[in-house]
Amino acid sequence: MEKILFSIEYDFNNVSPALLWNYISTQDGLASWFADRVDVNGKHFTFYWNSEKRSANQTSQRHGTSIKLRWCDETNRKYYFELKLIQNELTKNTTLVVSDFANKNEIKDYIDLWDEQIAILQKKVGA
């Protein structure tokens, strides 16, 4: 079944992109909100949740702006998830855009999961 790309925007008012960048691109940052534990070896990320382990490879990065990862168990190379920071030039507010792929009947579940994880991140940074 073909997966569909979806994107969700989360506002981080009064949070600097540099601070958020550390939370979305580093081992310690990701372990504070995305997974219980994260190991990074170069461009290879391993995420741990309870007894589950899942690995992803970084496919691209724009330092300070975006990071794109592909799950290692994903057979279709066009599927990925991306965390991208956008700062409004006028207001200086930062938006985190999450892009991911899911089957049509699973998109709501994926959005709910991202909402839960990003709520943890927002609490961590005081947004």
PDB file of N, CA and C in Angstrom:
ATOM      1  N   MET A   1       0.839  -1.180   0.000  1.00  0.00           N
ATOM      2  CA  MET A   1       0.000   0.000   0.000  1.00  0.00           C
ATOM      3  C   MET A   1       0.887   1.248   0.000  1.00  0.00           C
ATOM      4  N   GLU A   2       0.557   2.179  -0.819  1.00  0.00           N
ATOM      5  CA  GLU A   2       1.301   3.431  -0.954  1.00  0.00           C
ATOM      6  C   GLU A   2       1.087   4.321   0.269  1.00  0.00           C
ATOM      7  N   LYS A   3       2.173   4.821   0.826  1.00  0.00           N
ATOM      8  CA  LYS A   3       2.077   5.735   1.967  1.00  0.00           C
ATOM      9  C   LYS A   3       1.922   7.163   1.462  1.00  0.00           C
ATOM     10  N   ILE A   4       1.355   8.005   2.328  1.00  0.00           N
ATOM     11  CA  ILE A   4       1.067   9.386   1.979  1.00  0.00           C
ATOM     12  C   ILE A   4       1.914  10.310   2.857  1.00  0.00           C
ATOM     13  N   LEU A   5       2.496  11.325   2.235  1.00  0.00           N
ATOM     14  CA  LEU A   5       3.256  12.320   2.970  1.00  0.00           C
ATOM     15  C   LEU A   5       2.295  13.276   3.671  1.00  0.00           C
ATOM     16  N   PHE A   6       2.560  13.540   4.948  1.00  0.00           N
ATOM     17  CA  PHE A   6       1.799  14.549   5.673  1.00  0.00           C
ATOM     18  C   PHE A   6       2.768  15.408   6.462  1.00  0.00           C
ATOM     19  N   SER A   7       2.374  16.638   6.748  1.00  0.00           N
ATOM     20  CA  SER A   7       3.204  17.555   7.524  1.00  0.00           C
ATOM     21  C   SER A   7       2.353  18.211   8.598  1.00  0.00           C
ATOM     22  N   ILE A   8       2.976  18.449   9.750  1.00  0.00           N
ATOM     23  CA  ILE A   8       2.305  19.093  10.878  1.00  0.00           C
ATOM     24  C   ILE A   8       3.212  20.229  11.348  1.00  0.00           C
ATOM     25  N   GLU A   9       2.625  21.371  11.671  1.00  0.00           N
ATOM     26  CA  GLU A   9       3.391  22.511  12.161  1.00  0.00           C
ATOM     27  C   GLU A   9       3.127  22.710  13.649  1.00  0.00           C
ATOM     28  N   TYR A  10       4.205  22.948  14.385  1.00  0.00           N
ATOM     29  CA  TYR A  10       4.111  23.202  15.819  1.00  0.00           C
ATOM     30  C   TYR A  10       4.807  24.522  16.123  1.00  0.00           C
ATOM     31  N   ASP A  11       4.107  25.415  16.830  1.00  0.00           N
ATOM     32  CA  ASP A  11       4.666  26.709  17.181  1.00  0.00           C
ATOM     33  C   ASP A  11       5.488  26.633  18.456  1.00  0.00           C
ATOM     34  N   PHE A  12       6.642  27.259  18.421  1.00  0.00           N
ATOM     35  CA  PHE A  12       7.531  27.370  19.574  1.00  0.00           C
ATOM     36  C   PHE A  12       7.837  28.851  19.761  1.00  0.00           C
ATOM     37  N   ASN A  13       6.855  29.583  20.263  1.00  0.00           N
ATOM     38  CA  ASN A  13       7.028  31.017  20.470  1.00  0.00           C
ATOM     39  C   ASN A  13       8.100  31.272  21.513  1.00  0.00           C
ATOM     40  N   ASN A  14       8.946  32.263  21.232  1.00  0.00           N
ATOM     41  CA  ASN A  14      10.016  32.680  22.147  1.00  0.00           C
ATOM     42  C   ASN A  14      11.048  31.581  22.425  1.00  0.00           C
ATOM     43  N   VAL A  15      11.216  30.646  21.490  1.00  0.00           N
ATOM     44  CA  VAL A  15      12.247  29.616  21.604  1.00  0.00           C
ATOM     45  C   VAL A  15      13.176  29.780  20.398  1.00  0.00           C
ATOM     46  N   SER A  16      14.454  29.864  20.665  1.00  0.00           N
ATOM     47  CA  SER A  16      15.403  30.087  19.567  1.00  0.00           C
ATOM     48  C   SER A  16      15.576  28.823  18.729  1.00  0.00           C
ATOM     49  N   PRO A  17      15.778  29.003  17.425  1.00  0.00           N
ATOM     50  CA  PRO A  17      16.050  27.854  16.567  1.00  0.00           C
ATOM     51  C   PRO A  17      17.301  27.088  17.022  1.00  0.00           C
ATOM     52  N   ALA A  18      18.296  27.786  17.540  1.00  0.00           N
ATOM     53  CA  ALA A  18      19.527  27.117  17.982  1.00  0.00           C
ATOM     54  C   ALA A  18      19.241  26.150  19.129  1.00  0.00           C
ATOM     55  N   LEU A  19      18.403  26.558  20.066  1.00  0.00           N
ATOM     56  CA  LEU A  19      18.044  25.673  21.169  1.00  0.00           C
ATOM     57  C   LEU A  19      17.274  24.461  20.648  1.00  0.00           C
ATOM     58  N   LEU A  20      16.279  24.713  19.810  1.00  0.00           N
ATOM     59  CA  LEU A  20      15.486  23.609  19.255  1.00  0.00           C
ATOM     60  C   LEU A  20      16.349  22.669  18.419  1.00  0.00           C
ATOM     61  N   TRP A  21      17.298  23.212  17.693  1.00  0.00           N
ATOM     62  CA  TRP A  21      18.168  22.385  16.863  1.00  0.00           C
ATOM     63  C   TRP A  21      18.847  21.302  17.696  1.00  0.00           C
ATOM     64  N   ASN A  22      19.319  21.674  18.878  1.00  0.00           N
ATOM     65  CA  ASN A  22      19.959  20.681  19.748  1.00  0.00           C
ATOM     66  C   ASN A  22      18.993  19.572  20.159  1.00  0.00           C
ATOM     67  N   TYR A  23      17.734  19.905  20.310  1.00  0.00           N
ATOM     68  CA  TYR A  23      16.741  18.905  20.709  1.00  0.00           C
ATOM     69  C   TYR A  23      16.342  17.971  19.558  1.00  0.00           C
ATOM     70  N   ILE A  24      16.459  18.421  18.324  1.00  0.00           N
ATOM     71  CA  ILE A  24      16.013  17.573  17.207  1.00  0.00           C
ATOM     72  C   ILE A  24      17.146  16.893  16.463  1.00  0.00           C
ATOM     73  N   SER A  25      18.386  17.214  16.813  1.00  0.00           N
ATOM     74  CA  SER A  25      19.492  16.669  16.017  1.00  0.00           C
ATOM     75  C   SER A  25      20.568  15.954  16.811  1.00  0.00           C
ATOM     76  N   THR A  26      20.487  16.013  18.144  1.00  0.00           N
ATOM     77  CA  THR A  26      21.546  15.391  18.941  1.00  0.00           C
ATOM     78  C   THR A  26      21.018  14.204  19.733  1.00  0.00           C
ATOM     79  N   GLN A  27      21.935  13.358  20.098  1.00  0.00           N
ATOM     80  CA  GLN A  27      21.618  12.159  20.876  1.00  0.00           C
ATOM     81  C   GLN A  27      20.888  12.515  22.171  1.00  0.00           C
ATOM     82  N   ASP A  28      21.461  13.420  22.957  1.00  0.00           N
ATOM     83  CA  ASP A  28      20.849  13.797  24.232  1.00  0.00           C
ATOM     84  C   ASP A  28      19.533  14.532  24.033  1.00  0.00           C
ATOM     85  N   GLY A  29      19.495  15.407  23.032  1.00  0.00           N
ATOM     86  CA  GLY A  29      18.270  16.150  22.763  1.00  0.00           C
ATOM     87  C   GLY A  29      17.116  15.233  22.405  1.00  0.00           C
ATOM     88  N   LEU A  30      17.337  14.318  21.481  1.00  0.00           N
ATOM     89  CA  LEU A  30      16.290  13.382  21.064  1.00  0.00           C
ATOM     90  C   LEU A  30      15.878  12.451  22.200  1.00  0.00           C
ATOM     91  N   ALA A  31      16.841  12.071  23.045  1.00  0.00           N
ATOM     92  CA  ALA A  31      16.529  11.175  24.159  1.00  0.00           C
ATOM     93  C   ALA A  31      15.682  11.868  25.226  1.00  0.00           C
ATOM     94  N   SER A  32      15.616  13.188  25.196  1.00  0.00           N
ATOM     95  CA  SER A  32      14.832  13.906  26.203  1.00  0.00           C
ATOM     96  C   SER A  32      13.349  14.006  25.849  1.00  0.00           C
ATOM     97  N   TRP A  33      12.982  13.695  24.588  1.00  0.00           N
ATOM     98  CA  TRP A  33      11.565  13.815  24.218  1.00  0.00           C
ATOM     99  C   TRP A  33      11.097  12.774  23.192  1.00  0.00           C
ATOM    100  N   PHE A  34      11.972  12.273  22.353  1.00  0.00           N
ATOM    101  CA  PHE A  34      11.544  11.407  21.249  1.00  0.00           C
ATOM    102  C   PHE A  34      11.590   9.928  21.605  1.00  0.00           C
ATOM    103  N   ALA A  35      12.593   9.524  22.349  1.00  0.00           N
ATOM    104  CA  ALA A  35      12.765   8.117  22.708  1.00  0.00           C
ATOM    105  C   ALA A  35      13.333   8.034  24.119  1.00  0.00           C
ATOM    106  N   ASP A  36      13.279   6.828  24.695  1.00  0.00           N
ATOM    107  CA  ASP A  36      13.838   6.631  26.027  1.00  0.00           C
ATOM    108  C   ASP A  36      15.356   6.765  26.014  1.00  0.00           C
ATOM    109  N   ARG A  37      15.960   6.284  24.936  1.00  0.00           N
ATOM    110  CA  ARG A  37      17.403   6.342  24.772  1.00  0.00           C
ATOM    111  C   ARG A  37      17.715   6.457  23.297  1.00  0.00           C
ATOM    112  N   VAL A  38      18.778   7.166  22.963  1.00  0.00           N
ATOM    113  CA  VAL A  38      19.188   7.326  21.570  1.00  0.00           C
ATOM    114  C   VAL A  38      20.695   7.151  21.501  1.00  0.00           C
ATOM    115  N   ASP A  39      21.139   6.361  20.545  1.00  0.00           N
ATOM    116  CA  ASP A  39      22.568   6.222  20.255  1.00  0.00           C
ATOM    117  C   ASP A  39      22.800   6.740  18.842  1.00  0.00           C
ATOM    118  N   VAL A  40      23.825   7.549  18.679  1.00  0.00           N
ATOM    119  CA  VAL A  40      24.163   8.081  17.362  1.00  0.00           C
ATOM    120  C   VAL A  40      25.601   7.702  17.054  1.00  0.00           C
ATOM    121  N   ASN A  41      25.779   7.117  15.881  1.00  0.00           N
ATOM    122  CA  ASN A  41      27.101   6.761  15.396  1.00  0.00           C
ATOM    123  C   ASN A  41      27.216   7.311  13.981  1.00  0.00           C
ATOM    124  N   GLY A  42      27.801   8.485  13.847  1.00  0.00           N
ATOM    125  CA  GLY A  42      27.862   9.139  12.539  1.00  0.00           C
ATOM    126  C   GLY A  42      26.468   9.532  12.094  1.00  0.00           C
ATOM    127  N   LYS A  43      26.028   8.927  11.004  1.00  0.00           N
ATOM    128  CA  LYS A  43      24.696   9.218  10.475  1.00  0.00           C
ATOM    129  C   LYS A  43      23.687   8.120  10.789  1.00  0.00           C
ATOM    130  N   HIS A  44      24.072   7.230  11.694  1.00  0.00           N
ATOM    131  CA  HIS A  44      23.197   6.125  12.082  1.00  0.00           C
ATOM    132  C   HIS A  44      22.638   6.381  13.484  1.00  0.00           C
ATOM    133  N   PHE A  45      21.311   6.411  13.593  1.00  0.00           N
ATOM    134  CA  PHE A  45      20.618   6.663  14.847  1.00  0.00           C
ATOM    135  C   PHE A  45      19.910   5.388  15.294  1.00  0.00           C
ATOM    136  N   THR A  46      20.046   5.038  16.559  1.00  0.00           N
ATOM    137  CA  THR A  46      19.306   3.919  17.118  1.00  0.00           C
ATOM    138  C   THR A  46      18.463   4.451  18.258  1.00  0.00           C
ATOM    139  N   PHE A  47      17.149   4.197  18.164  1.00  0.00           N
ATOM    140  CA  PHE A  47      16.177   4.685  19.137  1.00  0.00           C
ATOM    141  C   PHE A  47      15.657   3.511  19.959  1.00  0.00           C
ATOM    142  N   TYR A  48      15.495   3.721  21.249  1.00  0.00           N
ATOM    143  CA  TYR A  48      15.003   2.684  22.155  1.00  0.00           C
ATOM    144  C   TYR A  48      13.767   3.201  22.881  1.00  0.00           C
ATOM    145  N   TRP A  49      12.713   2.399  22.852  1.00  0.00           N
ATOM    146  CA  TRP A  49      11.493   2.649  23.614  1.00  0.00           C
ATOM    147  C   TRP A  49      11.185   1.371  24.372  1.00  0.00           C
ATOM    148  N   ASN A  50      11.262   1.421  25.697  1.00  0.00           N
ATOM    149  CA  ASN A  50      11.056   0.219  26.506  1.00  0.00           C
ATOM    150  C   ASN A  50      11.897  -0.911  25.937  1.00  0.00           C
ATOM    151  N   SER A  51      11.271  -1.973  25.444  1.00  0.00           N
ATOM    152  CA  SER A  51      12.027  -3.104  24.897  1.00  0.00           C
ATOM    153  C   SER A  51      12.165  -3.039  23.374  1.00  0.00           C
ATOM    154  N   GLU A  52      11.618  -1.996  22.767  1.00  0.00           N
ATOM    155  CA  GLU A  52      11.684  -1.874  21.305  1.00  0.00           C
ATOM    156  C   GLU A  52      12.907  -1.062  20.891  1.00  0.00           C
ATOM    157  N   LYS A  53      13.526  -1.504  19.812  1.00  0.00           N
ATOM    158  CA  LYS A  53      14.694  -0.832  19.251  1.00  0.00           C
ATOM    159  C   LYS A  53      14.431  -0.626  17.764  1.00  0.00           C
ATOM    160  N   ARG A  54      14.717   0.589  17.277  1.00  0.00           N
ATOM    161  CA  ARG A  54      14.528   0.865  15.864  1.00  0.00           C
ATOM    162  C   ARG A  54      15.642   1.790  15.396  1.00  0.00           C
ATOM    163  N   SER A  55      16.162   1.521  14.225  1.00  0.00           N
ATOM    164  CA  SER A  55      17.283   2.295  13.700  1.00  0.00           C
ATOM    165  C   SER A  55      16.877   3.090  12.468  1.00  0.00           C
ATOM    166  N   ALA A  56      17.573   4.206  12.294  1.00  0.00           N
ATOM    167  CA  ALA A  56      17.334   5.079  11.143  1.00  0.00           C
ATOM    168  C   ALA A  56      18.668   5.646  10.680  1.00  0.00           C
ATOM    169  N   ASN A  57      18.735   5.947   9.399  1.00  0.00           N
ATOM    170  CA  ASN A  57      19.907   6.594   8.832  1.00  0.00           C
ATOM    171  C   ASN A  57      19.554   8.021   8.442  1.00  0.00           C
ATOM    172  N   GLN A  58      20.452   8.929   8.750  1.00  0.00           N
ATOM    173  CA  GLN A  58      20.268  10.319   8.343  1.00  0.00           C
ATOM    174  C   GLN A  58      20.525  10.406   6.848  1.00  0.00           C
ATOM    175  N   THR A  59      19.547  10.914   6.102  1.00  0.00           N
ATOM    176  CA  THR A  59      19.714  11.017   4.658  1.00  0.00           C
ATOM    177  C   THR A  59      20.110  12.416   4.232  1.00  0.00           C
ATOM    178  N   SER A  60      19.781  13.416   5.053  1.00  0.00           N
ATOM    179  CA  SER A  60      20.224  14.778   4.764  1.00  0.00           C
ATOM    180  C   SER A  60      20.128  15.626   6.026  1.00  0.00           C
ATOM    181  N   GLN A  61      20.877  16.702   5.991  1.00  0.00           N
ATOM    182  CA  GLN A  61      20.848  17.642   7.107  1.00  0.00           C
ATOM    183  C   GLN A  61      21.276  19.009   6.604  1.00  0.00           C
ATOM    184  N   ARG A  62      20.545  20.014   7.011  1.00  0.00           N
ATOM    185  CA  ARG A  62      20.961  21.403   6.840  1.00  0.00           C
ATOM    186  C   ARG A  62      21.197  21.901   8.253  1.00  0.00           C
ATOM    187  N   HIS A  63      22.454  22.054   8.614  1.00  0.00           N
ATOM    188  CA  HIS A  63      22.790  22.368  10.001  1.00  0.00           C
ATOM    189  C   HIS A  63      21.986  23.583  10.494  1.00  0.00           C
ATOM    190  N   GLY A  64      21.335  23.382  11.622  1.00  0.00           N
ATOM    191  CA  GLY A  64      20.551  24.449  12.231  1.00  0.00           C
ATOM    192  C   GLY A  64      19.155  24.606  11.674  1.00  0.00           C
ATOM    193  N   THR A  65      18.824  23.827  10.627  1.00  0.00           N
ATOM    194  CA  THR A  65      17.531  24.005   9.969  1.00  0.00           C
ATOM    195  C   THR A  65      16.706  22.732   9.864  1.00  0.00           C
ATOM    196  N   SER A  66      17.294  21.643   9.344  1.00  0.00           N
ATOM    197  CA  SER A  66      16.486  20.436   9.149  1.00  0.00           C
ATOM    198  C   SER A  66      17.339  19.177   9.193  1.00  0.00           C
ATOM    199  N   ILE A  67      16.674  18.107   9.606  1.00  0.00           N
ATOM    200  CA  ILE A  67      17.297  16.788   9.603  1.00  0.00           C
ATOM    201  C   ILE A  67      16.268  15.794   9.074  1.00  0.00           C
ATOM    202  N   LYS A  68      16.715  14.949   8.169  1.00  0.00           N
ATOM    203  CA  LYS A  68      15.842  13.958   7.541  1.00  0.00           C
ATOM    204  C   LYS A  68      16.415  12.577   7.814  1.00  0.00           C
ATOM    205  N   LEU A  69      15.546  11.667   8.286  1.00  0.00           N
ATOM    206  CA  LEU A  69      15.949  10.309   8.618  1.00  0.00           C
ATOM    207  C   LEU A  69      15.067   9.296   7.896  1.00  0.00           C
ATOM    208  N   ARG A  70      15.643   8.148   7.578  1.00  0.00           N
ATOM    209  CA  ARG A  70      14.886   7.042   6.976  1.00  0.00           C
ATOM    210  C   ARG A  70      15.061   5.828   7.866  1.00  0.00           C
ATOM    211  N   TRP A  71      13.942   5.213   8.243  1.00  0.00           N
ATOM    212  CA  TRP A  71      14.000   3.996   9.053  1.00  0.00           C
ATOM    213  C   TRP A  71      14.716   2.906   8.268  1.00  0.00           C
ATOM    214  N   CYS A  72      15.588   2.186   8.924  1.00  0.00           N
ATOM    215  CA  CYS A  72      16.368   1.127   8.266  1.00  0.00           C
ATOM    216  C   CYS A  72      15.496  -0.034   7.796  1.00  0.00           C
ATOM    217  N   ASP A  73      14.377  -0.268   8.473  1.00  0.00           N
ATOM    218  CA  ASP A  73      13.498  -1.365   8.065  1.00  0.00           C
ATOM    219  C   ASP A  73      12.491  -0.955   6.989  1.00  0.00           C
ATOM    220  N   GLU A  74      12.570   0.283   6.528  1.00  0.00           N
ATOM    221  CA  GLU A  74      11.685   0.763   5.461  1.00  0.00           C
ATOM    222  C   GLU A  74      12.253   0.321   4.116  1.00  0.00           C
ATOM    223  N   THR A  75      11.482  -0.462   3.365  1.00  0.00           N
ATOM    224  CA  THR A  75      11.979  -0.989   2.094  1.00  0.00           C
ATOM    225  C   THR A  75      11.907   0.026   0.962  1.00  0.00           C
ATOM    226  N   ASN A  76      10.968   0.958   1.034  1.00  0.00           N
ATOM    227  CA  ASN A  76      10.846   1.968  -0.015  1.00  0.00           C
ATOM    228  C   ASN A  76      11.711   3.169   0.350  1.00  0.00           C
ATOM    229  N   ARG A  77      12.703   3.453  -0.476  1.00  0.00           N
ATOM    230  CA  ARG A  77      13.676   4.507  -0.179  1.00  0.00           C
ATOM    231  C   ARG A  77      13.097   5.910  -0.235  1.00  0.00           C
ATOM    232  N   LYS A  78      11.873   6.079  -0.749  1.00  0.00           N
ATOM    233  CA  LYS A  78      11.317   7.433  -0.823  1.00  0.00           C
ATOM    234  C   LYS A  78      10.637   7.862   0.480  1.00  0.00           C
ATOM    235  N   TYR A  79      10.467   6.959   1.433  1.00  0.00           N
ATOM    236  CA  TYR A  79       9.818   7.290   2.694  1.00  0.00           C
ATOM    237  C   TYR A  79      10.845   7.723   3.734  1.00  0.00           C
ATOM    238  N   TYR A  80      10.506   8.747   4.487  1.00  0.00           N
ATOM    239  CA  TYR A  80      11.406   9.329   5.480  1.00  0.00           C
ATOM    240  C   TYR A  80      10.578  10.079   6.509  1.00  0.00           C
ATOM    241  N   PHE A  81      11.243  10.602   7.529  1.00  0.00           N
ATOM    242  CA  PHE A  81      10.618  11.616   8.361  1.00  0.00           C
ATOM    243  C   PHE A  81      11.613  12.755   8.526  1.00  0.00           C
ATOM    244  N   GLU A  82      11.084  13.964   8.592  1.00  0.00           N
ATOM    245  CA  GLU A  82      11.926  15.151   8.637  1.00  0.00           C
ATOM    246  C   GLU A  82      11.454  16.082   9.741  1.00  0.00           C
ATOM    247  N   LEU A  83      12.421  16.690  10.412  1.00  0.00           N
ATOM    248  CA  LEU A  83      12.173  17.714  11.417  1.00  0.00           C
ATOM    249  C   LEU A  83      12.838  18.979  10.893  1.00  0.00           C
ATOM    250  N   LYS A  84      12.026  20.018  10.680  1.00  0.00           N
ATOM    251  CA  LYS A  84      12.520  21.233  10.028  1.00  0.00           C
ATOM    252  C   LYS A  84      12.125  22.461  10.836  1.00  0.00           C
ATOM    253  N   LEU A  85      13.072  23.364  11.035  1.00  0.00           N
ATOM    254  CA  LEU A  85      12.825  24.594  11.779  1.00  0.00           C
ATOM    255  C   LEU A  85      12.679  25.769  10.828  1.00  0.00           C
ATOM    256  N   ILE A  86      11.657  26.577  11.084  1.00  0.00           N
ATOM    257  CA  ILE A  86      11.413  27.783  10.296  1.00  0.00           C
ATOM    258  C   ILE A  86      11.223  28.930  11.280  1.00  0.00           C
ATOM    259  N   GLN A  87      11.961  30.026  11.062  1.00  0.00           N
ATOM    260  CA  GLN A  87      11.790  31.191  11.926  1.00  0.00           C
ATOM    261  C   GLN A  87      11.135  32.304  11.128  1.00  0.00           C
ATOM    262  N   ASN A  88      10.043  32.845  11.684  1.00  0.00           N
ATOM    263  CA  ASN A  88       9.343  33.962  11.063  1.00  0.00           C
ATOM    264  C   ASN A  88      10.212  35.206  11.196  1.00  0.00           C
ATOM    265  N   GLU A  89      10.523  35.834  10.074  1.00  0.00           N
ATOM    266  CA  GLU A  89      11.404  37.003  10.073  1.00  0.00           C
ATOM    267  C   GLU A  89      10.825  38.182  10.857  1.00  0.00           C
ATOM    268  N   LEU A  90       9.513  38.350  10.813  1.00  0.00           N
ATOM    269  CA  LEU A  90       8.892  39.481  11.508  1.00  0.00           C
ATOM    270  C   LEU A  90       8.721  39.249  12.996  1.00  0.00           C
ATOM    271  N   THR A  91       8.152  38.103  13.354  1.00  0.00           N
ATOM    272  CA  THR A  91       7.841  37.840  14.764  1.00  0.00           C
ATOM    273  C   THR A  91       8.975  37.159  15.505  1.00  0.00           C
ATOM    274  N   LYS A  92       9.911  36.568  14.768  1.00  0.00           N
ATOM    275  CA  LYS A  92      11.017  35.787  15.326  1.00  0.00           C
ATOM    276  C   LYS A  92      10.547  34.508  16.020  1.00  0.00           C
ATOM    277  N   ASN A  93       9.272  34.151  15.862  1.00  0.00           N
ATOM    278  CA  ASN A  93       8.772  32.888  16.409  1.00  0.00           C
ATOM    279  C   ASN A  93       9.275  31.733  15.556  1.00  0.00           C
ATOM    280  N   THR A  94       9.490  30.601  16.193  1.00  0.00           N
ATOM    281  CA  THR A  94      10.006  29.420  15.520  1.00  0.00           C
ATOM    282  C   THR A  94       8.908  28.388  15.365  1.00  0.00           C
ATOM    283  N   THR A  95       8.854  27.777  14.202  1.00  0.00           N
ATOM    284  CA  THR A  95       7.909  26.700  13.918  1.00  0.00           C
ATOM    285  C   THR A  95       8.713  25.444  13.607  1.00  0.00           C
ATOM    286  N   LEU A  96       8.294  24.340  14.215  1.00  0.00           N
ATOM    287  CA  LEU A  96       8.860  23.031  13.893  1.00  0.00           C
ATOM    288  C   LEU A  96       7.879  22.337  12.974  1.00  0.00           C
ATOM    289  N   VAL A  97       8.344  21.984  11.776  1.00  0.00           N
ATOM    290  CA  VAL A  97       7.514  21.271  10.816  1.00  0.00           C
ATOM    291  C   VAL A  97       7.972  19.817  10.798  1.00  0.00           C
ATOM    292  N   VAL A  98       7.042  18.923  11.109  1.00  0.00           N
ATOM    293  CA  VAL A  98       7.311  17.489  11.077  1.00  0.00           C
ATOM    294  C   VAL A  98       6.662  16.941   9.813  1.00  0.00           C
ATOM    295  N   SER A  99       7.455  16.286   8.990  1.00  0.00           N
ATOM    296  CA  SER A  99       6.937  15.614   7.794  1.00  0.00           C
ATOM    297  C   SER A  99       7.196  14.121   7.959  1.00  0.00           C
ATOM    298  N   ASP A 100       6.188  13.324   7.616  1.00  0.00           N
ATOM    299  CA  ASP A 100       6.290  11.878   7.793  1.00  0.00           C
ATOM    300  C   ASP A 100       5.396  11.208   6.763  1.00  0.00           C
ATOM    301  N   PHE A 101       5.547   9.916   6.621  1.00  0.00           N
ATOM    302  CA  PHE A 101       4.730   9.122   5.713  1.00  0.00           C
ATOM    303  C   PHE A 101       3.942   8.091   6.508  1.00  0.00           C
ATOM    304  N   ALA A 102       2.701   7.845   6.080  1.00  0.00           N
ATOM    305  CA  ALA A 102       1.869   6.822   6.715  1.00  0.00           C
ATOM    306  C   ALA A 102       0.848   6.315   5.714  1.00  0.00           C
ATOM    307  N   ASN A 103       0.340   5.117   5.981  1.00  0.00           N
ATOM    308  CA  ASN A 103      -0.778   4.615   5.187  1.00  0.00           C
ATOM    309  C   ASN A 103      -1.993   5.499   5.470  1.00  0.00           C
ATOM    310  N   LYS A 104      -2.859   5.623   4.499  1.00  0.00           N
ATOM    311  CA  LYS A 104      -4.008   6.536   4.605  1.00  0.00           C
ATOM    312  C   LYS A 104      -4.809   6.308   5.889  1.00  0.00           C
ATOM    313  N   ASN A 105      -5.026   5.043   6.253  1.00  0.00           N
ATOM    314  CA  ASN A 105      -5.848   4.736   7.425  1.00  0.00           C
ATOM    315  C   ASN A 105      -5.080   4.892   8.739  1.00  0.00           C
ATOM    316  N   GLU A 106      -3.781   5.235   8.677  1.00  0.00           N
ATOM    317  CA  GLU A 106      -2.973   5.397   9.889  1.00  0.00           C
ATOM    318  C   GLU A 106      -2.532   6.838  10.140  1.00  0.00           C
ATOM    319  N   ILE A 107      -2.851   7.757   9.244  1.00  0.00           N
ATOM    320  CA  ILE A 107      -2.370   9.134   9.371  1.00  0.00           C
ATOM    321  C   ILE A 107      -2.802   9.761  10.689  1.00  0.00           C
ATOM    322  N   LYS A 108      -4.061   9.590  11.084  1.00  0.00           N
ATOM    323  CA  LYS A 108      -4.528  10.187  12.340  1.00  0.00           C
ATOM    324  C   LYS A 108      -3.731   9.641  13.527  1.00  0.00           C
ATOM    325  N   ASP A 109      -3.459   8.342  13.534  1.00  0.00           N
ATOM    326  CA  ASP A 109      -2.668   7.750  14.619  1.00  0.00           C
ATOM    327  C   ASP A 109      -1.252   8.330  14.657  1.00  0.00           C
ATOM    328  N   TYR A 110      -0.657   8.507  13.495  1.00  0.00           N
ATOM    329  CA  TYR A 110       0.683   9.083  13.424  1.00  0.00           C
ATOM    330  C   TYR A 110       0.666  10.524  13.930  1.00  0.00           C
ATOM    331  N   ILE A 111      -0.328  11.294  13.520  1.00  0.00           N
ATOM    332  CA  ILE A 111      -0.436  12.683  13.983  1.00  0.00           C
ATOM    333  C   ILE A 111      -0.614  12.727  15.493  1.00  0.00           C
ATOM    334  N   ASP A 112      -1.448  11.857  16.024  1.00  0.00           N
ATOM    335  CA  ASP A 112      -1.638  11.794  17.481  1.00  0.00           C
ATOM    336  C   ASP A 112      -0.329  11.485  18.194  1.00  0.00           C
ATOM    337  N   LEU A 113       0.446  10.553  17.644  1.00  0.00           N
ATOM    338  CA  LEU A 113       1.730  10.200  18.240  1.00  0.00           C
ATOM    339  C   LEU A 113       2.698  11.380  18.200  1.00  0.00           C
ATOM    340  N   TRP A 114       2.786  12.056  17.052  1.00  0.00           N
ATOM    341  CA  TRP A 114       3.649  13.233  16.952  1.00  0.00           C
ATOM    342  C   TRP A 114       3.182  14.316  17.923  1.00  0.00           C
ATOM    343  N   ASP A 115       1.870  14.531  18.025  1.00  0.00           N
ATOM    344  CA  ASP A 115       1.340  15.535  18.960  1.00  0.00           C
ATOM    345  C   ASP A 115       1.803  15.251  20.388  1.00  0.00           C
ATOM    346  N   GLU A 116       1.740  13.984  20.790  1.00  0.00           N
ATOM    347  CA  GLU A 116       2.170  13.602  22.144  1.00  0.00           C
ATOM    348  C   GLU A 116       3.661  13.862  22.343  1.00  0.00           C
ATOM    349  N   GLN A 117       4.464  13.472  21.368  1.00  0.00           N
ATOM    350  CA  GLN A 117       5.908  13.638  21.500  1.00  0.00           C
ATOM    351  C   GLN A 117       6.295  15.123  21.491  1.00  0.00           C
ATOM    352  N   ILE A 118       5.687  15.890  20.616  1.00  0.00           N
ATOM    353  CA  ILE A 118       6.022  17.313  20.525  1.00  0.00           C
ATOM    354  C   ILE A 118       5.550  18.061  21.773  1.00  0.00           C
ATOM    355  N   ALA A 119       4.465  17.619  22.382  1.00  0.00           N
ATOM    356  CA  ALA A 119       4.011  18.227  23.642  1.00  0.00           C
ATOM    357  C   ALA A 119       5.087  18.073  24.715  1.00  0.00           C
ATOM    358  N   ILE A 120       5.766  16.943  24.733  1.00  0.00           N
ATOM    359  CA  ILE A 120       6.863  16.726  25.671  1.00  0.00           C
ATOM    360  C   ILE A 120       8.000  17.709  25.377  1.00  0.00           C
ATOM    361  N   LEU A 121       8.326  17.849  24.091  1.00  0.00           N
ATOM    362  CA  LEU A 121       9.377  18.781  23.686  1.00  0.00           C
ATOM    363  C   LEU A 121       9.015  20.217  24.047  1.00  0.00           C
ATOM    364  N   GLN A 122       7.776  20.620  23.786  1.00  0.00           N
ATOM    365  CA  GLN A 122       7.340  21.976  24.112  1.00  0.00           C
ATOM    366  C   GLN A 122       7.457  22.250  25.611  1.00  0.00           C
ATOM    367  N   LYS A 123       7.123  21.264  26.404  1.00  0.00           N
ATOM    368  CA  LYS A 123       7.247  21.418  27.851  1.00  0.00           C
ATOM    369  C   LYS A 123       8.720  21.563  28.262  1.00  0.00           C
ATOM    370  N   LYS A 124       9.590  20.765  27.649  1.00  0.00           N
ATOM    371  CA  LYS A 124      11.023  20.814  27.954  1.00  0.00           C
ATOM    372  C   LYS A 124      11.618  22.201  27.701  1.00  0.00           C
ATOM    373  N   VAL A 125      11.206  22.824  26.594  1.00  0.00           N
ATOM    374  CA  VAL A 125      11.804  24.113  26.206  1.00  0.00           C
ATOM    375  C   VAL A 125      10.987  25.315  26.667  1.00  0.00           C
ATOM    376  N   GLY A 126       9.867  25.063  27.324  1.00  0.00           N
ATOM    377  CA  GLY A 126       9.046  26.150  27.843  1.00  0.00           C
ATOM    378  C   GLY A 126       8.244  26.899  26.794  1.00  0.00           C
ATOM    379  N   ALA A 127       7.844  26.197  25.751  1.00  0.00           N
ATOM    380  CA  ALA A 127       7.055  26.844  24.690  1.00  0.00           C
ATOM    381  C   ALA A 127       5.571  26.821  25.021  1.00  0.00           C
TER     382      ALA A 127
END
